[in-house]
Amino acid sequence: MAYITAEIKSSKVYHGYDEDRKPVVDDLDGGEFVKKLINVSRILSVTEDYIFIECPHNTVQTWEYKGTLEEFRLKLRRAGVPAE
């Protein structure tokens, strides 16, 4: 397994959809940024502002992170993950 370190704070948790096909989303009070060791196999995608993380119980969380998308790509590459 490959891991990377990032400074993150929780943003939202996505639970799926309700009976009207509207997303069920909880806003999280992420508080301060914390340094976290992340299993890269849990990363679904990364934007300029957020990491989308696969979580238990078929949920997805978004985490804000410090740094740029290019810096994050470099961390992934250093961990042996192709990130174009």
N, C-alpha and C. Protein backbone atom coordinates (compact mmCIF):
# COMPACT_ATOMS: atom_id res chain seq x y z
N MET A 1 0.83 -1.19 0.00
CA MET A 1 0.00 0.00 0.00
C MET A 1 0.87 1.24 0.00
N ALA A 2 0.44 2.25 -0.72
CA ALA A 2 1.16 3.52 -0.77
C ALA A 2 0.42 4.55 0.09
N TYR A 3 1.21 5.38 0.76
CA TYR A 3 0.66 6.43 1.61
C TYR A 3 1.33 7.75 1.27
N ILE A 4 0.58 8.83 1.48
CA ILE A 4 1.14 10.17 1.40
C ILE A 4 0.71 10.94 2.64
N THR A 5 1.42 12.01 2.94
CA THR A 5 1.07 12.88 4.05
C THR A 5 0.53 14.19 3.49
N ALA A 6 -0.55 14.69 4.09
CA ALA A 6 -1.12 15.97 3.69
C ALA A 6 -1.74 16.65 4.90
N GLU A 7 -1.80 17.97 4.84
CA GLU A 7 -2.52 18.73 5.86
C GLU A 7 -3.94 18.93 5.35
N ILE A 8 -4.90 18.38 6.08
CA ILE A 8 -6.29 18.38 5.61
C ILE A 8 -7.23 18.85 6.71
N LYS A 9 -8.45 19.21 6.29
CA LYS A 9 -9.56 19.37 7.23
C LYS A 9 -10.83 18.91 6.52
N SER A 10 -11.69 18.25 7.27
CA SER A 10 -12.92 17.68 6.70
C SER A 10 -13.85 18.78 6.23
N SER A 11 -14.54 18.54 5.13
CA SER A 11 -15.46 19.53 4.57
C SER A 11 -16.89 19.01 4.51
N LYS A 12 -17.11 17.90 3.79
CA LYS A 12 -18.46 17.35 3.62
C LYS A 12 -18.41 15.83 3.61
N VAL A 13 -19.56 15.22 3.94
CA VAL A 13 -19.70 13.77 3.77
C VAL A 13 -20.92 13.54 2.90
N TYR A 14 -20.76 12.73 1.86
CA TYR A 14 -21.82 12.41 0.91
C TYR A 14 -22.32 11.00 1.22
N HIS A 15 -23.64 10.91 1.51
CA HIS A 15 -24.24 9.64 1.91
C HIS A 15 -24.95 8.92 0.76
N GLY A 16 -25.10 9.58 -0.36
CA GLY A 16 -25.85 9.00 -1.47
C GLY A 16 -26.97 9.93 -1.88
N TYR A 17 -28.11 9.33 -2.25
CA TYR A 17 -29.25 10.11 -2.74
C TYR A 17 -30.51 9.72 -1.99
N ASP A 18 -31.42 10.70 -1.86
CA ASP A 18 -32.71 10.40 -1.24
C ASP A 18 -33.68 9.88 -2.30
N GLU A 19 -34.94 9.66 -1.90
CA GLU A 19 -35.93 9.09 -2.83
C GLU A 19 -36.26 10.02 -3.99
N ASP A 20 -35.95 11.33 -3.85
CA ASP A 20 -36.16 12.29 -4.94
C ASP A 20 -34.89 12.48 -5.78
N ARG A 21 -33.90 11.61 -5.56
CA ARG A 21 -32.62 11.64 -6.26
C ARG A 21 -31.82 12.90 -6.00
N LYS A 22 -32.03 13.49 -4.82
CA LYS A 22 -31.23 14.64 -4.40
C LYS A 22 -30.10 14.13 -3.50
N PRO A 23 -28.91 14.68 -3.65
CA PRO A 23 -27.79 14.21 -2.83
C PRO A 23 -28.04 14.46 -1.34
N VAL A 24 -27.66 13.49 -0.54
CA VAL A 24 -27.72 13.62 0.92
C VAL A 24 -26.30 13.97 1.37
N VAL A 25 -26.12 15.23 1.81
CA VAL A 25 -24.79 15.75 2.13
C VAL A 25 -24.83 16.41 3.50
N ASP A 26 -23.84 16.10 4.33
CA ASP A 26 -23.67 16.77 5.62
C ASP A 26 -22.44 17.66 5.54
N ASP A 27 -22.60 18.92 5.95
CA ASP A 27 -21.45 19.79 6.09
C ASP A 27 -20.75 19.46 7.40
N LEU A 28 -19.45 19.39 7.37
CA LEU A 28 -18.67 19.07 8.56
C LEU A 28 -17.90 20.30 9.01
N ASP A 29 -17.78 20.46 10.30
CA ASP A 29 -16.94 21.52 10.83
C ASP A 29 -15.54 20.97 10.92
N GLY A 30 -14.76 21.21 9.90
CA GLY A 30 -13.44 20.63 9.82
C GLY A 30 -12.46 21.16 10.84
N GLY A 31 -12.77 22.29 11.46
CA GLY A 31 -11.85 22.85 12.44
C GLY A 31 -10.54 23.26 11.80
N GLU A 32 -9.46 23.00 12.50
CA GLU A 32 -8.13 23.35 12.03
C GLU A 32 -7.57 22.26 11.11
N PHE A 33 -6.61 22.64 10.30
CA PHE A 33 -5.92 21.65 9.48
C PHE A 33 -5.12 20.71 10.38
N VAL A 34 -5.11 19.43 10.02
CA VAL A 34 -4.31 18.43 10.73
C VAL A 34 -3.48 17.66 9.71
N LYS A 35 -2.31 17.22 10.14
CA LYS A 35 -1.47 16.40 9.27
C LYS A 35 -1.98 14.97 9.33
N LYS A 36 -2.16 14.36 8.16
CA LYS A 36 -2.74 13.03 8.09
C LYS A 36 -1.95 12.17 7.12
N LEU A 37 -1.79 10.91 7.48
CA LEU A 37 -1.21 9.91 6.59
C LEU A 37 -2.37 9.26 5.84
N ILE A 38 -2.37 9.35 4.52
CA ILE A 38 -3.52 8.93 3.71
C ILE A 38 -3.14 7.73 2.85
N ASN A 39 -3.94 6.69 2.92
CA ASN A 39 -3.79 5.53 2.04
C ASN A 39 -4.27 5.97 0.65
N VAL A 40 -3.39 6.00 -0.33
CA VAL A 40 -3.75 6.54 -1.64
C VAL A 40 -4.84 5.74 -2.34
N SER A 41 -5.04 4.49 -1.95
CA SER A 41 -6.11 3.70 -2.58
C SER A 41 -7.50 4.23 -2.22
N ARG A 42 -7.60 5.05 -1.19
CA ARG A 42 -8.89 5.64 -0.80
C ARG A 42 -9.21 6.92 -1.57
N ILE A 43 -8.22 7.48 -2.28
CA ILE A 43 -8.42 8.74 -3.00
C ILE A 43 -9.18 8.47 -4.29
N LEU A 44 -10.33 9.12 -4.44
CA LEU A 44 -11.14 8.98 -5.65
C LEU A 44 -10.74 10.02 -6.69
N SER A 45 -10.55 11.27 -6.24
CA SER A 45 -10.10 12.34 -7.13
C SER A 45 -9.61 13.51 -6.30
N VAL A 46 -8.93 14.44 -7.00
CA VAL A 46 -8.38 15.62 -6.34
C VAL A 46 -8.64 16.81 -7.24
N THR A 47 -9.09 17.91 -6.65
CA THR A 47 -9.26 19.17 -7.38
C THR A 47 -8.28 20.19 -6.79
N GLU A 48 -8.32 21.42 -7.28
CA GLU A 48 -7.46 22.47 -6.73
C GLU A 48 -7.70 22.67 -5.24
N ASP A 49 -8.92 22.37 -4.76
CA ASP A 49 -9.28 22.66 -3.38
C ASP A 49 -9.57 21.44 -2.51
N TYR A 50 -9.97 20.32 -3.12
CA TYR A 50 -10.48 19.20 -2.33
C TYR A 50 -9.90 17.86 -2.75
N ILE A 51 -9.82 16.96 -1.76
CA ILE A 51 -9.54 15.54 -1.99
C ILE A 51 -10.86 14.82 -1.76
N PHE A 52 -11.28 13.97 -2.68
CA PHE A 52 -12.48 13.14 -2.51
C PHE A 52 -12.01 11.77 -2.04
N ILE A 53 -12.47 11.37 -0.84
CA ILE A 53 -11.98 10.17 -0.17
C ILE A 53 -13.10 9.15 0.00
N GLU A 54 -12.82 7.90 -0.36
CA GLU A 54 -13.76 6.80 -0.12
C GLU A 54 -13.72 6.45 1.36
N CYS A 55 -14.91 6.35 1.98
CA CYS A 55 -15.02 6.09 3.42
C CYS A 55 -15.93 4.89 3.67
N PRO A 56 -15.95 4.41 4.92
CA PRO A 56 -16.83 3.28 5.26
C PRO A 56 -18.31 3.60 5.02
N HIS A 57 -19.10 2.57 4.97
CA HIS A 57 -20.56 2.65 4.84
C HIS A 57 -20.99 3.32 3.53
N ASN A 58 -20.20 3.11 2.47
CA ASN A 58 -20.53 3.66 1.15
C ASN A 58 -20.69 5.16 1.15
N THR A 59 -19.85 5.85 1.90
CA THR A 59 -19.86 7.31 1.91
C THR A 59 -18.58 7.84 1.28
N VAL A 60 -18.64 9.10 0.90
CA VAL A 60 -17.48 9.81 0.36
C VAL A 60 -17.34 11.10 1.15
N GLN A 61 -16.11 11.44 1.52
CA GLN A 61 -15.87 12.72 2.19
C GLN A 61 -15.03 13.60 1.28
N THR A 62 -15.21 14.91 1.43
CA THR A 62 -14.30 15.85 0.81
C THR A 62 -13.47 16.48 1.92
N TRP A 63 -12.18 16.58 1.65
CA TRP A 63 -11.25 17.21 2.57
C TRP A 63 -10.58 18.37 1.86
N GLU A 64 -10.54 19.53 2.51
CA GLU A 64 -9.71 20.62 2.03
C GLU A 64 -8.26 20.24 2.33
N TYR A 65 -7.33 20.71 1.52
CA TYR A 65 -5.92 20.43 1.79
C TYR A 65 -5.09 21.67 1.54
N LYS A 66 -3.95 21.73 2.22
CA LYS A 66 -3.01 22.83 2.02
C LYS A 66 -2.11 22.49 0.84
N GLY A 67 -1.80 23.50 0.05
CA GLY A 67 -0.92 23.30 -1.09
C GLY A 67 -1.68 23.43 -2.39
N THR A 68 -0.98 23.13 -3.47
CA THR A 68 -1.57 23.23 -4.81
C THR A 68 -1.82 21.83 -5.37
N LEU A 69 -2.59 21.79 -6.42
CA LEU A 69 -2.84 20.51 -7.09
C LEU A 69 -1.53 19.93 -7.63
N GLU A 70 -0.66 20.77 -8.15
CA GLU A 70 0.61 20.27 -8.68
C GLU A 70 1.47 19.68 -7.56
N GLU A 71 1.47 20.30 -6.39
CA GLU A 71 2.21 19.74 -5.24
C GLU A 71 1.63 18.39 -4.83
N PHE A 72 0.30 18.28 -4.89
CA PHE A 72 -0.35 17.02 -4.54
C PHE A 72 0.00 15.94 -5.56
N ARG A 73 0.01 16.30 -6.83
CA ARG A 73 0.42 15.35 -7.88
C ARG A 73 1.83 14.83 -7.62
N LEU A 74 2.71 15.74 -7.23
CA LEU A 74 4.09 15.35 -6.96
C LEU A 74 4.17 14.36 -5.80
N LYS A 75 3.38 14.57 -4.76
CA LYS A 75 3.33 13.63 -3.63
C LYS A 75 2.87 12.25 -4.11
N LEU A 76 1.86 12.23 -4.96
CA LEU A 76 1.37 10.96 -5.49
C LEU A 76 2.45 10.27 -6.33
N ARG A 77 3.12 11.03 -7.18
CA ARG A 77 4.17 10.45 -8.02
C ARG A 77 5.30 9.87 -7.17
N ARG A 78 5.67 10.59 -6.12
CA ARG A 78 6.73 10.11 -5.22
C ARG A 78 6.32 8.82 -4.52
N ALA A 79 5.01 8.63 -4.34
CA ALA A 79 4.50 7.41 -3.71
C ALA A 79 4.32 6.29 -4.73
N GLY A 80 4.70 6.55 -5.99
CA GLY A 80 4.60 5.53 -7.02
C GLY A 80 3.27 5.48 -7.73
N VAL A 81 2.46 6.53 -7.57
CA VAL A 81 1.14 6.58 -8.19
C VAL A 81 1.22 7.48 -9.43
N PRO A 82 0.88 6.97 -10.62
CA PRO A 82 0.88 7.83 -11.80
C PRO A 82 -0.17 8.93 -11.64
N ALA A 83 0.25 10.16 -11.76
CA ALA A 83 -0.67 11.30 -11.62
C ALA A 83 -0.31 12.32 -12.68
N GLU A 84 -1.01 12.26 -13.79
CA GLU A 84 -0.72 13.14 -14.93
C GLU A 84 -1.39 14.47 -14.81
